[in-house]
N, C-alpha and C. Protein backbone atom coordinates (compact mmCIF):
# COMPACT_ATOMS: atom_id res chain seq x y z
N UNK A 1 -6.95 7.13 -9.20
CA UNK A 1 -6.96 5.54 -8.83
C UNK A 1 -7.73 5.61 -7.48
N UNK A 2 -8.57 4.64 -7.28
CA UNK A 2 -9.19 4.63 -5.97
C UNK A 2 -8.41 3.41 -5.07
N UNK A 3 -7.83 3.84 -3.84
CA UNK A 3 -7.09 2.87 -3.04
C UNK A 3 -7.88 2.68 -1.82
N UNK A 4 -7.83 1.46 -1.29
CA UNK A 4 -8.43 1.23 0.07
C UNK A 4 -7.09 0.80 0.94
N UNK A 5 -7.21 1.26 2.24
CA UNK A 5 -6.09 0.71 3.11
C UNK A 5 -7.00 0.08 3.97
N UNK A 6 -6.71 -1.40 4.27
CA UNK A 6 -7.68 -2.14 5.13
C UNK A 6 -7.74 -1.51 6.45
N UNK A 7 -8.93 -1.60 6.91
CA UNK A 7 -9.22 -1.17 8.11
C UNK A 7 -9.29 0.45 8.33
N UNK A 8 -9.23 1.32 7.27
CA UNK A 8 -9.06 2.65 7.33
C UNK A 8 -10.04 3.39 6.57
N UNK A 9 -10.04 2.98 5.16
CA UNK A 9 -11.07 3.73 4.35
C UNK A 9 -10.46 3.70 2.86
N UNK A 10 -10.86 4.70 2.30
CA UNK A 10 -10.48 4.89 0.71
C UNK A 10 -9.79 6.36 0.50
N UNK A 11 -8.75 6.26 -0.48
CA UNK A 11 -8.25 7.61 -0.86
C UNK A 11 -8.47 7.58 -2.57
N UNK A 12 -8.48 8.69 -2.88
CA UNK A 12 -8.13 8.83 -4.34
C UNK A 12 -6.80 9.39 -4.54
N UNK A 13 -6.03 8.60 -5.52
CA UNK A 13 -4.77 9.04 -5.87
C UNK A 13 -4.47 9.25 -7.28
N UNK A 14 -3.86 10.46 -7.58
CA UNK A 14 -3.57 10.70 -8.97
C UNK A 14 -2.49 9.96 -9.44
N UNK A 15 -2.68 9.19 -10.64
CA UNK A 15 -1.53 8.18 -11.33
C UNK A 15 -0.21 8.80 -11.21
N UNK A 16 -0.03 10.28 -11.25
CA UNK A 16 1.39 10.71 -11.23
C UNK A 16 2.21 10.40 -9.88
N UNK A 17 1.45 9.88 -8.87
CA UNK A 17 2.21 9.38 -7.57
C UNK A 17 2.83 7.98 -7.54
N UNK A 18 2.35 7.45 -8.61
CA UNK A 18 2.72 5.74 -8.50
C UNK A 18 4.03 5.57 -8.82
N UNK A 19 4.92 6.33 -9.46
CA UNK A 19 6.29 6.28 -9.48
C UNK A 19 6.92 6.29 -8.26
N UNK A 20 6.54 7.18 -7.47
CA UNK A 20 6.99 7.47 -6.15
C UNK A 20 6.79 6.40 -5.24
N UNK A 21 5.46 5.79 -5.41
CA UNK A 21 5.03 4.90 -4.43
C UNK A 21 5.38 3.41 -4.89
N UNK A 22 5.87 3.40 -6.23
CA UNK A 22 6.56 2.15 -6.61
C UNK A 22 8.00 1.70 -5.94
N UNK A 23 8.58 2.88 -5.62
CA UNK A 23 9.87 2.79 -5.14
C UNK A 23 9.93 2.18 -3.63
N UNK A 24 8.86 2.58 -3.07
CA UNK A 24 8.56 2.07 -1.55
C UNK A 24 8.28 0.64 -1.94
N UNK A 25 7.38 0.35 -2.73
CA UNK A 25 6.76 -0.95 -2.81
C UNK A 25 7.71 -2.01 -3.37
N UNK A 26 8.79 -1.34 -4.20
CA UNK A 26 9.86 -2.50 -4.59
C UNK A 26 10.95 -2.75 -3.23
N UNK A 27 11.04 -1.81 -2.49
CA UNK A 27 11.74 -1.85 -1.28
C UNK A 27 11.04 -2.67 -0.45
N UNK A 28 9.65 -2.62 -0.23
CA UNK A 28 8.98 -3.77 0.56
C UNK A 28 9.21 -5.07 0.04
N UNK A 29 9.23 -5.11 -1.20
CA UNK A 29 9.16 -6.50 -1.86
C UNK A 29 10.46 -7.14 -1.52
N UNK A 30 11.57 -6.52 -1.57
CA UNK A 30 12.98 -6.87 -1.43
C UNK A 30 13.21 -7.24 0.18
N UNK A 31 12.51 -6.41 1.06
CA UNK A 31 12.53 -6.87 2.47
C UNK A 31 11.65 -8.14 2.76
N UNK A 32 10.71 -8.32 2.15
CA UNK A 32 9.96 -9.35 2.43
C UNK A 32 10.62 -10.67 1.86
N UNK A 33 11.12 -10.66 0.68
CA UNK A 33 12.11 -11.47 0.15
C UNK A 33 13.15 -12.07 0.75
N UNK A 34 13.63 -10.89 1.71
CA UNK A 34 15.02 -11.56 2.42
C UNK A 34 14.41 -11.63 3.89
N UNK A 35 13.16 -11.68 4.05
CA UNK A 35 12.95 -12.05 5.51
C UNK A 35 13.16 -10.94 6.48
N UNK A 36 13.39 -9.61 6.18
CA UNK A 36 13.72 -8.47 6.93
C UNK A 36 12.68 -7.90 7.67
N UNK A 37 12.28 -8.37 8.62
CA UNK A 37 11.06 -8.02 9.38
C UNK A 37 10.94 -6.60 9.88
N UNK A 38 11.99 -6.12 10.50
CA UNK A 38 12.02 -4.71 10.81
C UNK A 38 11.85 -3.72 9.56
N UNK A 39 12.55 -4.09 8.58
CA UNK A 39 12.62 -3.13 7.47
C UNK A 39 11.26 -3.23 6.70
N UNK A 40 10.58 -4.50 6.82
CA UNK A 40 9.32 -4.57 6.17
C UNK A 40 8.42 -3.79 7.09
N UNK A 41 8.33 -3.88 8.18
CA UNK A 41 7.55 -2.86 8.97
C UNK A 41 7.75 -1.45 8.87
N UNK A 42 8.82 -0.97 8.67
CA UNK A 42 9.11 0.45 8.44
C UNK A 42 8.68 0.64 7.23
N UNK A 43 9.06 -0.04 6.06
CA UNK A 43 8.69 0.48 4.95
C UNK A 43 7.12 0.38 4.69
N UNK A 44 6.46 -0.61 5.12
CA UNK A 44 4.92 -0.62 4.99
C UNK A 44 4.51 0.69 5.58
N UNK A 45 4.99 1.05 6.66
CA UNK A 45 4.45 2.10 7.32
C UNK A 45 4.70 3.51 6.57
N UNK A 46 5.77 3.50 5.94
CA UNK A 46 6.23 4.69 5.12
C UNK A 46 5.28 4.68 3.73
N UNK A 47 5.06 3.43 3.25
CA UNK A 47 4.25 3.43 2.12
C UNK A 47 2.65 3.96 2.56
N UNK A 48 2.31 3.44 3.58
CA UNK A 48 0.81 3.81 3.97
C UNK A 48 0.90 5.30 4.31
N UNK A 49 1.89 5.78 5.02
CA UNK A 49 1.92 7.42 5.23
C UNK A 49 1.90 8.05 3.75
N UNK A 50 2.68 7.60 2.95
CA UNK A 50 2.71 8.58 1.47
C UNK A 50 1.53 8.41 0.95
N UNK A 51 0.74 7.18 1.15
CA UNK A 51 -0.56 7.18 0.32
C UNK A 51 -1.62 8.02 1.02
N UNK A 52 -1.42 7.96 2.28
CA UNK A 52 -2.42 9.07 3.17
C UNK A 52 -2.10 10.51 2.92
N UNK A 53 -0.82 10.79 2.68
CA UNK A 53 -0.26 12.14 2.37
C UNK A 53 -0.60 12.81 1.05
N UNK A 54 -0.45 11.84 0.07
CA UNK A 54 -0.87 12.09 -1.44
C UNK A 54 -2.25 12.05 -1.85
N UNK A 55 -2.83 11.13 -1.16
CA UNK A 55 -4.24 10.88 -1.56
C UNK A 55 -5.34 11.68 -0.96
N UNK A 56 -6.69 11.78 -1.59
CA UNK A 56 -7.72 12.65 -0.98
C UNK A 56 -8.63 11.74 -0.50
N UNK A 57 -8.96 11.74 0.82
CA UNK A 57 -9.70 10.83 1.56
C UNK A 57 -11.18 10.83 0.72
N UNK A 58 -11.85 9.66 0.77
CA UNK A 58 -13.17 9.66 0.18
C UNK A 58 -14.07 9.54 1.41
N UNK A 59 -15.50 10.21 1.17
CA UNK A 59 -16.17 10.25 2.31
C UNK A 59 -16.21 8.76 3.02
N UNK A 60 -16.68 8.34 4.28
CA UNK A 60 -16.83 7.18 4.79
C UNK A 60 -17.98 6.40 4.16
N UNK A 61 -18.88 7.12 3.95
CA UNK A 61 -20.28 6.53 3.15
C UNK A 61 -20.06 6.22 1.67
N UNK A 62 -18.76 6.56 1.06
CA UNK A 62 -18.49 6.25 -0.25
C UNK A 62 -18.53 4.77 -0.55
N UNK A 63 -19.03 4.36 -1.58
CA UNK A 63 -19.16 2.96 -2.04
C UNK A 63 -18.38 2.95 -3.47
N UNK A 64 -17.23 3.49 -3.58
CA UNK A 64 -16.46 3.28 -4.81
C UNK A 64 -15.79 2.08 -5.09
N UNK A 65 -15.64 1.23 -6.31
CA UNK A 65 -14.92 0.21 -6.11
C UNK A 65 -13.34 0.42 -6.01
N UNK A 66 -12.70 -0.15 -5.10
CA UNK A 66 -11.19 -0.11 -5.03
C UNK A 66 -10.37 -0.69 -6.11
N UNK A 67 -9.75 -0.02 -6.89
CA UNK A 67 -8.68 -0.44 -7.78
C UNK A 67 -7.27 -1.20 -7.29
N UNK A 68 -7.10 -0.79 -6.08
CA UNK A 68 -5.77 -1.35 -5.31
C UNK A 68 -6.20 -1.37 -3.73
N UNK A 69 -5.79 -2.43 -3.21
CA UNK A 69 -6.12 -2.61 -1.74
C UNK A 69 -4.67 -2.84 -1.06
N UNK A 70 -4.48 -2.05 0.04
CA UNK A 70 -3.10 -2.06 0.71
C UNK A 70 -3.44 -2.68 1.91
N UNK A 71 -2.54 -3.23 2.80
CA UNK A 71 -2.70 -3.88 3.79
C UNK A 71 -2.69 -2.99 4.99
N UNK A 72 -3.46 -3.24 6.34
CA UNK A 72 -3.06 -2.24 7.17
C UNK A 72 -1.84 -2.28 7.76
N UNK A 73 -1.59 -1.19 8.81
CA UNK A 73 -0.13 -0.95 9.05
C UNK A 73 0.25 -2.29 10.21
N UNK A 74 -0.56 -2.84 10.59
CA UNK A 74 -0.25 -3.80 11.69
C UNK A 74 -0.49 -5.26 10.89
N UNK A 75 -0.42 -5.36 9.55
CA UNK A 75 -0.44 -6.61 8.88
C UNK A 75 0.91 -7.31 9.11
N UNK A 76 0.60 -8.62 9.14
CA UNK A 76 2.01 -9.23 9.50
C UNK A 76 2.58 -9.60 7.89
N UNK A 77 3.93 -10.11 7.87
CA UNK A 77 4.50 -10.34 6.77
C UNK A 77 3.90 -11.45 6.05
N UNK A 78 3.20 -12.36 6.47
CA UNK A 78 2.70 -13.67 5.85
C UNK A 78 1.12 -13.02 5.37
N UNK A 79 0.53 -12.17 5.96
CA UNK A 79 -0.74 -11.56 5.39
C UNK A 79 -0.35 -10.63 4.26
N UNK A 80 0.79 -9.97 4.13
CA UNK A 80 1.24 -9.17 3.14
C UNK A 80 1.59 -10.01 1.78
N UNK A 81 2.11 -11.11 2.20
CA UNK A 81 2.77 -11.92 0.97
C UNK A 81 1.35 -12.67 0.24
N UNK A 82 0.18 -12.66 0.92
CA UNK A 82 -1.07 -13.17 0.39
C UNK A 82 -1.47 -12.04 -0.38
N UNK A 83 -1.14 -10.79 -0.29
CA UNK A 83 -1.92 -9.74 -1.11
C UNK A 83 -0.89 -9.44 -2.43
N UNK A 84 0.18 -10.01 -2.33
CA UNK A 84 1.33 -9.60 -3.27
C UNK A 84 1.07 -10.24 -4.69
N UNK A 85 1.07 -9.35 -5.65
CA UNK A 85 1.19 -9.86 -6.98
C UNK A 85 2.71 -9.99 -7.46
N UNK A 86 2.91 -10.19 -8.99
CA UNK A 86 4.17 -10.24 -9.27
C UNK A 86 4.93 -8.88 -9.19
N UNK A 87 4.15 -7.93 -9.24
CA UNK A 87 4.94 -6.55 -9.24
C UNK A 87 4.90 -6.00 -7.63
N UNK A 88 4.41 -6.63 -6.73
CA UNK A 88 4.40 -6.10 -5.29
C UNK A 88 2.84 -6.02 -5.00
N UNK A 89 2.78 -4.89 -4.31
CA UNK A 89 1.37 -4.39 -3.93
C UNK A 89 0.81 -3.50 -4.83
N UNK A 90 1.57 -2.64 -5.47
CA UNK A 90 1.38 -1.33 -6.44
C UNK A 90 1.74 -2.07 -7.92
N UNK A 91 0.86 -2.38 -8.80
CA UNK A 91 1.17 -2.63 -10.08
C UNK A 91 2.18 -1.57 -10.83
N UNK A 92 3.02 -2.13 -11.53
CA UNK A 92 3.68 -1.23 -12.34
C UNK A 92 5.25 -1.32 -12.17
């Protein structure tokens, strides 16, 4: 799956990593629902770090369609709410 991190670029992630990423996504969703700003900030950073760690960066001039778009690390809680689906940021 091709994932874009807003403001950074794209990485290609193997589908086998989504179980691990969904655990962070579920935590992020709970923190957002409870209004836990510090927890939200910490978990968003952890989610993005994990995507960078597990993903293979695509070249900057690559124009692959992104199947998943994640907010930048400095996104606000409100900006992330606008990106959320029923399953959080990551489907599944």
